[in-house]
Amino acid sequence: MKDETRIRNAAGRKVLADPRTHRYYLCLNDNENEKFLTMFEQSGMKNKAEFIFARIFG
């Protein structure tokens, strides 16, 4: 069965048309982390990944 015709994969999750397969990792020191958390809290967003995505591409 082709992925584009499948509704769910083996784990039961919906198959995405354009799955996000590239991931990046970064390290922050205490000051950078505090600034990041402050910016995140001020944004009012509930998800840190979506916040980072919005800051980079928004």
PDB file of N, CA and C in Angstrom:
ATOM      1  N   MET A   1       0.826  -1.174   0.000  1.00  0.00           N
ATOM      2  CA  MET A   1       0.000   0.000   0.000  1.00  0.00           C
ATOM      3  C   MET A   1       0.876   1.246   0.000  1.00  0.00           C
ATOM      4  N   LYS A   2       0.580   2.211  -0.828  1.00  0.00           N
ATOM      5  CA  LYS A   2       1.383   3.431  -0.886  1.00  0.00           C
ATOM      6  C   LYS A   2       1.016   4.350   0.265  1.00  0.00           C
ATOM      7  N   ASP A   3       2.012   5.121   0.769  1.00  0.00           N
ATOM      8  CA  ASP A   3       1.796   6.013   1.899  1.00  0.00           C
ATOM      9  C   ASP A   3       0.702   7.044   1.633  1.00  0.00           C
ATOM     10  N   GLU A   4       0.636   7.594   0.397  1.00  0.00           N
ATOM     11  CA  GLU A   4      -0.345   8.623   0.130  1.00  0.00           C
ATOM     12  C   GLU A   4      -1.774   8.081   0.127  1.00  0.00           C
ATOM     13  N   THR A   5      -1.952   6.790  -0.019  1.00  0.00           N
ATOM     14  CA  THR A   5      -3.294   6.224  -0.014  1.00  0.00           C
ATOM     15  C   THR A   5      -3.688   5.707   1.369  1.00  0.00           C
ATOM     16  N   ARG A   6      -2.719   5.588   2.269  1.00  0.00           N
ATOM     17  CA  ARG A   6      -3.013   5.090   3.607  1.00  0.00           C
ATOM     18  C   ARG A   6      -3.584   6.209   4.465  1.00  0.00           C
ATOM     19  N   ILE A   7      -4.548   5.894   5.295  1.00  0.00           N
ATOM     20  CA  ILE A   7      -5.129   6.880   6.194  1.00  0.00           C
ATOM     21  C   ILE A   7      -4.342   6.900   7.489  1.00  0.00           C
ATOM     22  N   ARG A   8      -3.886   5.745   7.948  1.00  0.00           N
ATOM     23  CA  ARG A   8      -3.137   5.651   9.196  1.00  0.00           C
ATOM     24  C   ARG A   8      -1.931   4.747   8.989  1.00  0.00           C
ATOM     25  N   ASN A   9      -0.887   5.026   9.758  1.00  0.00           N
ATOM     26  CA  ASN A   9       0.293   4.175   9.664  1.00  0.00           C
ATOM     27  C   ASN A   9       0.187   3.048  10.688  1.00  0.00           C
ATOM     28  N   ALA A  10       1.241   2.288  10.845  1.00  0.00           N
ATOM     29  CA  ALA A  10       1.216   1.124  11.724  1.00  0.00           C
ATOM     30  C   ALA A  10       0.969   1.500  13.186  1.00  0.00           C
ATOM     31  N   ALA A  11       1.376   2.702  13.586  1.00  0.00           N
ATOM     32  CA  ALA A  11       1.197   3.125  14.977  1.00  0.00           C
ATOM     33  C   ALA A  11      -0.190   3.714  15.219  1.00  0.00           C
ATOM     34  N   GLY A  12      -1.001   3.845  14.182  1.00  0.00           N
ATOM     35  CA  GLY A  12      -2.344   4.368  14.336  1.00  0.00           C
ATOM     36  C   GLY A  12      -2.456   5.869  14.154  1.00  0.00           C
ATOM     37  N   ARG A  13      -1.353   6.519  13.816  1.00  0.00           N
ATOM     38  CA  ARG A  13      -1.393   7.971  13.594  1.00  0.00           C
ATOM     39  C   ARG A  13      -1.727   8.263  12.134  1.00  0.00           C
ATOM     40  N   LYS A  14      -2.340   9.414  11.900  1.00  0.00           N
ATOM     41  CA  LYS A  14      -2.647   9.825  10.540  1.00  0.00           C
ATOM     42  C   LYS A  14      -1.349  10.076   9.790  1.00  0.00           C
ATOM     43  N   VAL A  15      -1.292   9.659   8.537  1.00  0.00           N
ATOM     44  CA  VAL A  15      -0.130   9.867   7.698  1.00  0.00           C
ATOM     45  C   VAL A  15      -0.190  11.299   7.170  1.00  0.00           C
ATOM     46  N   LEU A  16       0.890  12.059   7.353  1.00  0.00           N
ATOM     47  CA  LEU A  16       0.944  13.439   6.889  1.00  0.00           C
ATOM     48  C   LEU A  16       1.347  13.489   5.428  1.00  0.00           C
ATOM     49  N   ALA A  17       0.805  14.448   4.693  1.00  0.00           N
ATOM     50  CA  ALA A  17       1.166  14.605   3.287  1.00  0.00           C
ATOM     51  C   ALA A  17       2.614  15.047   3.153  1.00  0.00           C
ATOM     52  N   ASP A  18       3.086  15.883   4.073  1.00  0.00           N
ATOM     53  CA  ASP A  18       4.460  16.381   4.044  1.00  0.00           C
ATOM     54  C   ASP A  18       5.047  16.252   5.448  1.00  0.00           C
ATOM     55  N   PRO A  19       5.482  15.050   5.832  1.00  0.00           N
ATOM     56  CA  PRO A  19       5.963  14.849   7.199  1.00  0.00           C
ATOM     57  C   PRO A  19       7.245  15.618   7.491  1.00  0.00           C
ATOM     58  N   ARG A  20       7.383  16.073   8.715  1.00  0.00           N
ATOM     59  CA  ARG A  20       8.590  16.790   9.145  1.00  0.00           C
ATOM     60  C   ARG A  20       9.605  15.763   9.629  1.00  0.00           C
ATOM     61  N   THR A  21      10.636  15.559   8.828  1.00  0.00           N
ATOM     62  CA  THR A  21      11.621  14.527   9.150  1.00  0.00           C
ATOM     63  C   THR A  21      12.968  15.096   9.566  1.00  0.00           C
ATOM     64  N   HIS A  22      13.178  16.399   9.388  1.00  0.00           N
ATOM     65  CA  HIS A  22      14.456  17.022   9.745  1.00  0.00           C
ATOM     66  C   HIS A  22      14.332  17.676  11.116  1.00  0.00           C
ATOM     67  N   ARG A  23      15.245  17.327  11.996  1.00  0.00           N
ATOM     68  CA  ARG A  23      15.210  17.853  13.362  1.00  0.00           C
ATOM     69  C   ARG A  23      16.548  18.501  13.685  1.00  0.00           C
ATOM     70  N   TYR A  24      16.478  19.534  14.538  1.00  0.00           N
ATOM     71  CA  TYR A  24      17.677  20.247  14.939  1.00  0.00           C
ATOM     72  C   TYR A  24      17.734  20.318  16.454  1.00  0.00           C
ATOM     73  N   TYR A  25      18.927  20.390  16.982  1.00  0.00           N
ATOM     74  CA  TYR A  25      19.169  20.362  18.409  1.00  0.00           C
ATOM     75  C   TYR A  25      20.065  21.536  18.750  1.00  0.00           C
ATOM     76  N   LEU A  26      19.766  22.244  19.832  1.00  0.00           N
ATOM     77  CA  LEU A  26      20.620  23.339  20.249  1.00  0.00           C
ATOM     78  C   LEU A  26      20.747  23.340  21.760  1.00  0.00           C
ATOM     79  N   CYS A  27      21.826  23.935  22.226  1.00  0.00           N
ATOM     80  CA  CYS A  27      22.088  24.028  23.660  1.00  0.00           C
ATOM     81  C   CYS A  27      22.091  25.498  24.062  1.00  0.00           C
ATOM     82  N   LEU A  28      21.488  25.797  25.205  1.00  0.00           N
ATOM     83  CA  LEU A  28      21.436  27.150  25.725  1.00  0.00           C
ATOM     84  C   LEU A  28      22.087  27.198  27.092  1.00  0.00           C
ATOM     85  N   ASN A  29      22.756  28.315  27.383  1.00  0.00           N
ATOM     86  CA  ASN A  29      23.269  28.480  28.736  1.00  0.00           C
ATOM     87  C   ASN A  29      22.139  29.041  29.609  1.00  0.00           C
ATOM     88  N   ASP A  30      22.383  29.287  30.875  1.00  0.00           N
ATOM     89  CA  ASP A  30      21.329  29.726  31.795  1.00  0.00           C
ATOM     90  C   ASP A  30      20.705  31.048  31.371  1.00  0.00           C
ATOM     91  N   ASN A  31      21.525  32.015  30.957  1.00  0.00           N
ATOM     92  CA  ASN A  31      21.004  33.315  30.541  1.00  0.00           C
ATOM     93  C   ASN A  31      20.157  33.213  29.280  1.00  0.00           C
ATOM     94  N   GLU A  32      20.629  32.459  28.310  1.00  0.00           N
ATOM     95  CA  GLU A  32      19.877  32.282  27.069  1.00  0.00           C
ATOM     96  C   GLU A  32      18.567  31.554  27.321  1.00  0.00           C
ATOM     97  N   ASN A  33      18.597  30.568  28.189  1.00  0.00           N
ATOM     98  CA  ASN A  33      17.383  29.822  28.509  1.00  0.00           C
ATOM     99  C   ASN A  33      16.358  30.713  29.196  1.00  0.00           C
ATOM    100  N   GLU A  34      16.807  31.566  30.107  1.00  0.00           N
ATOM    101  CA  GLU A  34      15.901  32.488  30.795  1.00  0.00           C
ATOM    102  C   GLU A  34      15.256  33.454  29.801  1.00  0.00           C
ATOM    103  N   LYS A  35      16.052  33.965  28.864  1.00  0.00           N
ATOM    104  CA  LYS A  35      15.517  34.860  27.841  1.00  0.00           C
ATOM    105  C   LYS A  35      14.512  34.129  26.954  1.00  0.00           C
ATOM    106  N   PHE A  36      14.843  32.891  26.570  1.00  0.00           N
ATOM    107  CA  PHE A  36      13.937  32.092  25.749  1.00  0.00           C
ATOM    108  C   PHE A  36      12.614  31.857  26.465  1.00  0.00           C
ATOM    109  N   LEU A  37      12.667  31.453  27.732  1.00  0.00           N
ATOM    110  CA  LEU A  37      11.443  31.188  28.483  1.00  0.00           C
ATOM    111  C   LEU A  37      10.603  32.446  28.665  1.00  0.00           C
ATOM    112  N   THR A  38      11.257  33.590  28.869  1.00  0.00           N
ATOM    113  CA  THR A  38      10.536  34.853  28.990  1.00  0.00           C
ATOM    114  C   THR A  38       9.824  35.187  27.684  1.00  0.00           C
ATOM    115  N   MET A  39      10.523  35.043  26.567  1.00  0.00           N
ATOM    116  CA  MET A  39       9.913  35.306  25.262  1.00  0.00           C
ATOM    117  C   MET A  39       8.754  34.348  25.011  1.00  0.00           C
ATOM    118  N   PHE A  40       8.936  33.083  25.378  1.00  0.00           N
ATOM    119  CA  PHE A  40       7.881  32.083  25.189  1.00  0.00           C
ATOM    120  C   PHE A  40       6.649  32.425  26.016  1.00  0.00           C
ATOM    121  N   GLU A  41       6.835  32.782  27.274  1.00  0.00           N
ATOM    122  CA  GLU A  41       5.709  33.123  28.144  1.00  0.00           C
ATOM    123  C   GLU A  41       4.983  34.371  27.647  1.00  0.00           C
ATOM    124  N   GLN A  42       5.717  35.360  27.162  1.00  0.00           N
ATOM    125  CA  GLN A  42       5.112  36.587  26.656  1.00  0.00           C
ATOM    126  C   GLN A  42       4.324  36.352  25.376  1.00  0.00           C
ATOM    127  N   SER A  43       4.694  35.321  24.627  1.00  0.00           N
ATOM    128  CA  SER A  43       4.009  35.042  23.370  1.00  0.00           C
ATOM    129  C   SER A  43       2.602  34.507  23.595  1.00  0.00           C
ATOM    130  N   GLY A  44       2.377  33.857  24.731  1.00  0.00           N
ATOM    131  CA  GLY A  44       1.066  33.277  25.008  1.00  0.00           C
ATOM    132  C   GLY A  44       0.808  31.952  24.309  1.00  0.00           C
ATOM    133  N   MET A  45       1.792  31.451  23.594  1.00  0.00           N
ATOM    134  CA  MET A  45       1.631  30.171  22.902  1.00  0.00           C
ATOM    135  C   MET A  45       1.732  29.037  23.919  1.00  0.00           C
ATOM    136  N   LYS A  46       1.115  27.910  23.586  1.00  0.00           N
ATOM    137  CA  LYS A  46       1.099  26.766  24.490  1.00  0.00           C
ATOM    138  C   LYS A  46       2.172  25.738  24.176  1.00  0.00           C
ATOM    139  N   ASN A  47       2.762  25.813  22.981  1.00  0.00           N
ATOM    140  CA  ASN A  47       3.700  24.798  22.524  1.00  0.00           C
ATOM    141  C   ASN A  47       5.024  25.453  22.152  1.00  0.00           C
ATOM    142  N   LYS A  48       6.118  25.007  22.749  1.00  0.00           N
ATOM    143  CA  LYS A  48       7.428  25.610  22.497  1.00  0.00           C
ATOM    144  C   LYS A  48       7.894  25.373  21.063  1.00  0.00           C
ATOM    145  N   ALA A  49       7.596  24.203  20.501  1.00  0.00           N
ATOM    146  CA  ALA A  49       8.011  23.915  19.132  1.00  0.00           C
ATOM    147  C   ALA A  49       7.330  24.862  18.155  1.00  0.00           C
ATOM    148  N   GLU A  50       6.047  25.105  18.341  1.00  0.00           N
ATOM    149  CA  GLU A  50       5.325  26.033  17.474  1.00  0.00           C
ATOM    150  C   GLU A  50       5.843  27.458  17.666  1.00  0.00           C
ATOM    151  N   PHE A  51       6.211  27.820  18.890  1.00  0.00           N
ATOM    152  CA  PHE A  51       6.776  29.141  19.170  1.00  0.00           C
ATOM    153  C   PHE A  51       8.077  29.328  18.408  1.00  0.00           C
ATOM    154  N   ILE A  52       8.962  28.342  18.466  1.00  0.00           N
ATOM    155  CA  ILE A  52      10.249  28.430  17.769  1.00  0.00           C
ATOM    156  C   ILE A  52      10.018  28.525  16.269  1.00  0.00           C
ATOM    157  N   PHE A  53       9.120  27.710  15.755  1.00  0.00           N
ATOM    158  CA  PHE A  53       8.793  27.719  14.314  1.00  0.00           C
ATOM    159  C   PHE A  53       8.275  29.095  13.897  1.00  0.00           C
ATOM    160  N   ALA A  54       7.401  29.692  14.702  1.00  0.00           N
ATOM    161  CA  ALA A  54       6.852  31.009  14.402  1.00  0.00           C
ATOM    162  C   ALA A  54       7.930  32.088  14.444  1.00  0.00           C
ATOM    163  N   ARG A  55       8.873  31.981  15.374  1.00  0.00           N
ATOM    164  CA  ARG A  55       9.937  32.971  15.477  1.00  0.00           C
ATOM    165  C   ARG A  55      10.895  32.892  14.276  1.00  0.00           C
ATOM    166  N   ILE A  56      11.123  31.702  13.779  1.00  0.00           N
ATOM    167  CA  ILE A  56      12.051  31.548  12.666  1.00  0.00           C
ATOM    168  C   ILE A  56      11.376  31.880  11.337  1.00  0.00           C
ATOM    169  N   PHE A  57      10.176  31.371  11.113  1.00  0.00           N
ATOM    170  CA  PHE A  57       9.521  31.503   9.815  1.00  0.00           C
ATOM    171  C   PHE A  57       8.357  32.486   9.801  1.00  0.00           C
ATOM    172  N   GLY A  58       7.994  33.029  10.979  1.00  0.00           N
ATOM    173  CA  GLY A  58       6.816  33.885  11.072  1.00  0.00           C
ATOM    174  C   GLY A  58       7.092  35.282  10.738  1.00  0.00           C
TER     175      GLY A  58
END
